[in-house]
Amino acid sequence: MATVYITRKEHFNAAHKLWVESWTAEQNLERFGKCANPNWHGHNFNLFVTVKGTPDPVTGLIVDLKELSRLIRARVTDKLDHQNLNLDVDFIRGQMPSTENLAVAIWQQLEAEVAARGGTLHCVKLYETENNYAEYYGE
């Protein structure tokens, strides 16, 4: 049977600041630009979670998308939405809250849960803006 990929899109809003404490303000501003705003800045993130697998011969589904949506909300977006990524989110605490690191952290929140539901997590794609996104494949 064929391997199929199915994607669920979710959305959240969050603030963060990219800042290296051991650098001067000038170094941070030079490296991170507006993202180093001392008063934070926010994004309207779009999250795409792709699961791969073989469709069930009876239902035709890899995973139940309503259940996948509930899982993403419970493990990820409810924890991120309208939060400060630098201060409020346990699963990214202590890391630079870049889009790249956030994509990896989201993967870690979902991988085992997706597998427990019969699918294999294939990709986490996180859009920070309409022009910038990170993809992570568990590598």
C-alpha atoms as a PDB file:
ATOM      1  CA  MET A   1       0.000   0.000   0.000  1.00  0.00           C
ATOM      2  CA  ALA A   2       1.138   3.551  -0.688  1.00  0.00           C
ATOM      3  CA  THR A   3       2.609   5.926   1.857  1.00  0.00           C
ATOM      4  CA  VAL A   4       0.513   9.078   2.069  1.00  0.00           C
ATOM      5  CA  TYR A   5       1.292  12.413   3.726  1.00  0.00           C
ATOM      6  CA  ILE A   6      -1.455  14.437   5.386  1.00  0.00           C
ATOM      7  CA  THR A   7      -1.047  17.883   6.935  1.00  0.00           C
ATOM      8  CA  ARG A   8      -2.966  19.757   9.601  1.00  0.00           C
ATOM      9  CA  LYS A   9      -2.624  23.545   9.879  1.00  0.00           C
ATOM     10  CA  GLU A  10      -2.964  25.336  13.218  1.00  0.00           C
ATOM     11  CA  HIS A  11      -2.332  28.924  14.260  1.00  0.00           C
ATOM     12  CA  PHE A  12      -1.050  30.786  17.316  1.00  0.00           C
ATOM     13  CA  ASN A  13       0.188  34.243  18.267  1.00  0.00           C
ATOM     14  CA  ALA A  14       3.241  34.707  20.447  1.00  0.00           C
ATOM     15  CA  ALA A  15       5.928  37.206  21.377  1.00  0.00           C
ATOM     16  CA  HIS A  16       9.646  36.706  21.719  1.00  0.00           C
ATOM     17  CA  LYS A  17      12.992  38.434  21.679  1.00  0.00           C
ATOM     18  CA  LEU A  18      16.177  37.126  20.122  1.00  0.00           C
ATOM     19  CA  TRP A  19      18.933  38.188  22.464  1.00  0.00           C
ATOM     20  CA  VAL A  20      22.269  36.788  23.643  1.00  0.00           C
ATOM     21  CA  GLU A  21      22.868  37.937  27.217  1.00  0.00           C
ATOM     22  CA  SER A  22      26.651  37.865  26.915  1.00  0.00           C
ATOM     23  CA  TRP A  23      26.568  40.266  23.934  1.00  0.00           C
ATOM     24  CA  THR A  24      26.236  44.022  24.034  1.00  0.00           C
ATOM     25  CA  ALA A  25      23.004  45.678  22.960  1.00  0.00           C
ATOM     26  CA  GLU A  26      24.793  46.825  19.809  1.00  0.00           C
ATOM     27  CA  GLN A  27      25.894  43.272  18.963  1.00  0.00           C
ATOM     28  CA  ASN A  28      22.365  41.942  19.499  1.00  0.00           C
ATOM     29  CA  LEU A  29      20.824  44.677  17.370  1.00  0.00           C
ATOM     30  CA  GLU A  30      23.398  44.127  14.634  1.00  0.00           C
ATOM     31  CA  ARG A  31      22.761  40.367  14.549  1.00  0.00           C
ATOM     32  CA  PHE A  32      19.017  40.164  15.221  1.00  0.00           C
ATOM     33  CA  GLY A  33      17.734  43.572  14.079  1.00  0.00           C
ATOM     34  CA  LYS A  34      14.095  44.211  15.027  1.00  0.00           C
ATOM     35  CA  CYS A  35      13.953  40.773  16.640  1.00  0.00           C
ATOM     36  CA  ALA A  36      16.203  42.115  19.416  1.00  0.00           C
ATOM     37  CA  ASN A  37      13.643  44.725  20.478  1.00  0.00           C
ATOM     38  CA  PRO A  38      14.088  45.015  24.275  1.00  0.00           C
ATOM     39  CA  ASN A  39      10.298  45.242  24.635  1.00  0.00           C
ATOM     40  CA  TRP A  40       9.684  42.027  22.648  1.00  0.00           C
ATOM     41  CA  HIS A  41       7.833  41.661  19.363  1.00  0.00           C
ATOM     42  CA  GLY A  42       5.113  39.322  18.180  1.00  0.00           C
ATOM     43  CA  HIS A  43       4.201  37.057  15.299  1.00  0.00           C
ATOM     44  CA  ASN A  44       1.101  35.383  13.950  1.00  0.00           C
ATOM     45  CA  PHE A  45       2.533  31.889  13.535  1.00  0.00           C
ATOM     46  CA  ASN A  46       1.116  29.249  11.199  1.00  0.00           C
ATOM     47  CA  LEU A  47       2.009  25.679  12.092  1.00  0.00           C
ATOM     48  CA  PHE A  48       1.779  22.801   9.614  1.00  0.00           C
ATOM     49  CA  VAL A  49       2.119  19.284  11.029  1.00  0.00           C
ATOM     50  CA  THR A  50       2.542  16.540   8.443  1.00  0.00           C
ATOM     51  CA  VAL A  51       1.959  12.890   9.314  1.00  0.00           C
ATOM     52  CA  LYS A  52       2.825  10.002   7.003  1.00  0.00           C
ATOM     53  CA  GLY A  53       1.550   6.488   6.895  1.00  0.00           C
ATOM     54  CA  THR A  54      -0.538   3.936   5.084  1.00  0.00           C
ATOM     55  CA  PRO A  55      -4.250   4.655   5.033  1.00  0.00           C
ATOM     56  CA  ASP A  56      -6.325   2.208   7.044  1.00  0.00           C
ATOM     57  CA  PRO A  57      -8.049  -0.172   4.587  1.00  0.00           C
ATOM     58  CA  VAL A  58     -11.444   0.360   6.245  1.00  0.00           C
ATOM     59  CA  THR A  59     -11.469   4.082   7.115  1.00  0.00           C
ATOM     60  CA  GLY A  60      -9.035   5.321   4.483  1.00  0.00           C
ATOM     61  CA  LEU A  61      -7.346   7.454   7.153  1.00  0.00           C
ATOM     62  CA  ILE A  62      -3.769   7.636   8.398  1.00  0.00           C
ATOM     63  CA  VAL A  63      -4.868   9.543  11.496  1.00  0.00           C
ATOM     64  CA  ASP A  64      -8.099  11.187  12.529  1.00  0.00           C
ATOM     65  CA  LEU A  65      -7.496  14.867  11.707  1.00  0.00           C
ATOM     66  CA  LYS A  66      -9.871  16.038  14.433  1.00  0.00           C
ATOM     67  CA  GLU A  67      -7.840  14.026  16.955  1.00  0.00           C
ATOM     68  CA  LEU A  68      -4.589  15.346  15.475  1.00  0.00           C
ATOM     69  CA  SER A  69      -5.914  18.891  15.835  1.00  0.00           C
ATOM     70  CA  ARG A  70      -6.847  18.244  19.485  1.00  0.00           C
ATOM     71  CA  LEU A  71      -3.381  16.802  20.096  1.00  0.00           C
ATOM     72  CA  ILE A  72      -1.618  19.791  18.515  1.00  0.00           C
ATOM     73  CA  ARG A  73      -3.721  22.207  20.533  1.00  0.00           C
ATOM     74  CA  ALA A  74      -3.195  20.347  23.832  1.00  0.00           C
ATOM     75  CA  ARG A  75       0.548  19.737  23.444  1.00  0.00           C
ATOM     76  CA  VAL A  76       1.570  22.847  21.507  1.00  0.00           C
ATOM     77  CA  THR A  77      -0.680  25.734  20.515  1.00  0.00           C
ATOM     78  CA  ASP A  78      -2.586  26.098  23.793  1.00  0.00           C
ATOM     79  CA  LYS A  79       0.816  26.425  25.498  1.00  0.00           C
ATOM     80  CA  LEU A  80       2.147  28.931  22.940  1.00  0.00           C
ATOM     81  CA  ASP A  81      -0.833  31.090  22.050  1.00  0.00           C
ATOM     82  CA  HIS A  82      -0.588  34.658  23.394  1.00  0.00           C
ATOM     83  CA  GLN A  83       2.523  33.789  25.397  1.00  0.00           C
ATOM     84  CA  ASN A  84       6.030  35.186  25.666  1.00  0.00           C
ATOM     85  CA  LEU A  85       8.249  32.427  24.259  1.00  0.00           C
ATOM     86  CA  ASN A  86      11.235  33.631  26.281  1.00  0.00           C
ATOM     87  CA  LEU A  87       9.406  33.507  29.614  1.00  0.00           C
ATOM     88  CA  ASP A  88       6.190  31.498  29.562  1.00  0.00           C
ATOM     89  CA  VAL A  89       6.639  28.254  27.621  1.00  0.00           C
ATOM     90  CA  ASP A  90       8.087  25.282  29.486  1.00  0.00           C
ATOM     91  CA  PHE A  91       9.192  23.264  26.455  1.00  0.00           C
ATOM     92  CA  ILE A  92      11.362  26.053  24.965  1.00  0.00           C
ATOM     93  CA  ARG A  93      12.623  27.522  28.268  1.00  0.00           C
ATOM     94  CA  GLY A  94      16.380  28.000  28.367  1.00  0.00           C
ATOM     95  CA  GLN A  95      16.723  28.033  24.572  1.00  0.00           C
ATOM     96  CA  MET A  96      16.865  30.886  22.101  1.00  0.00           C
ATOM     97  CA  PRO A  97      13.221  31.033  20.935  1.00  0.00           C
ATOM     98  CA  SER A  98      14.056  31.249  17.237  1.00  0.00           C
ATOM     99  CA  THR A  99      11.656  29.776  14.717  1.00  0.00           C
ATOM    100  CA  GLU A 100      14.211  27.049  14.051  1.00  0.00           C
ATOM    101  CA  ASN A 101      14.469  26.008  17.712  1.00  0.00           C
ATOM    102  CA  LEU A 102      10.717  26.278  18.148  1.00  0.00           C
ATOM    103  CA  ALA A 103      10.112  23.895  15.225  1.00  0.00           C
ATOM    104  CA  VAL A 104      12.381  21.290  16.872  1.00  0.00           C
ATOM    105  CA  ALA A 105      10.696  21.773  20.260  1.00  0.00           C
ATOM    106  CA  ILE A 106       7.249  21.338  18.697  1.00  0.00           C
ATOM    107  CA  TRP A 107       8.421  18.110  17.039  1.00  0.00           C
ATOM    108  CA  GLN A 108       9.549  16.828  20.432  1.00  0.00           C
ATOM    109  CA  GLN A 109       6.112  17.590  21.879  1.00  0.00           C
ATOM    110  CA  LEU A 110       4.311  15.670  19.131  1.00  0.00           C
ATOM    111  CA  GLU A 111       6.420  12.765  17.875  1.00  0.00           C
ATOM    112  CA  ALA A 112       5.537  10.101  20.451  1.00  0.00           C
ATOM    113  CA  GLU A 113       1.889  11.168  20.608  1.00  0.00           C
ATOM    114  CA  VAL A 114       1.481  10.908  16.831  1.00  0.00           C
ATOM    115  CA  ALA A 115       3.128   7.470  16.849  1.00  0.00           C
ATOM    116  CA  ALA A 116       0.746   6.334  19.604  1.00  0.00           C
ATOM    117  CA  ARG A 117      -2.116   7.171  17.248  1.00  0.00           C
ATOM    118  CA  GLY A 118      -0.738   5.066  14.405  1.00  0.00           C
ATOM    119  CA  GLY A 119       1.006   7.702  12.308  1.00  0.00           C
ATOM    120  CA  THR A 120       4.582   8.793  11.834  1.00  0.00           C
ATOM    121  CA  LEU A 121       5.448  12.456  12.245  1.00  0.00           C
ATOM    122  CA  HIS A 122       7.032  13.539   8.974  1.00  0.00           C
ATOM    123  CA  CYS A 123       7.452  17.315   9.185  1.00  0.00           C
ATOM    124  CA  VAL A 124       6.831  20.329  11.373  1.00  0.00           C
ATOM    125  CA  LYS A 125       6.716  23.497   9.290  1.00  0.00           C
ATOM    126  CA  LEU A 126       6.437  26.740  11.232  1.00  0.00           C
ATOM    127  CA  TYR A 127       5.759  30.044   9.481  1.00  0.00           C
ATOM    128  CA  GLU A 128       6.883  33.049  11.517  1.00  0.00           C
ATOM    129  CA  THR A 129       5.873  35.442   8.742  1.00  0.00           C
ATOM    130  CA  GLU A 130       4.489  34.899   5.268  1.00  0.00           C
ATOM    131  CA  ASN A 131       8.083  35.026   4.000  1.00  0.00           C
ATOM    132  CA  ASN A 132       9.976  33.124   6.729  1.00  0.00           C
ATOM    133  CA  TYR A 133       9.511  29.582   7.926  1.00  0.00           C
ATOM    134  CA  ALA A 134      11.438  26.657   9.363  1.00  0.00           C
ATOM    135  CA  GLU A 135      10.953  22.986   8.550  1.00  0.00           C
ATOM    136  CA  TYR A 136      12.066  20.117  10.761  1.00  0.00           C
ATOM    137  CA  TYR A 137      12.042  16.426   9.836  1.00  0.00           C
ATOM    138  CA  GLY A 138      13.332  14.903  13.074  1.00  0.00           C
ATOM    139  CA  GLU A 139      16.909  14.654  11.896  1.00  0.00           C
END
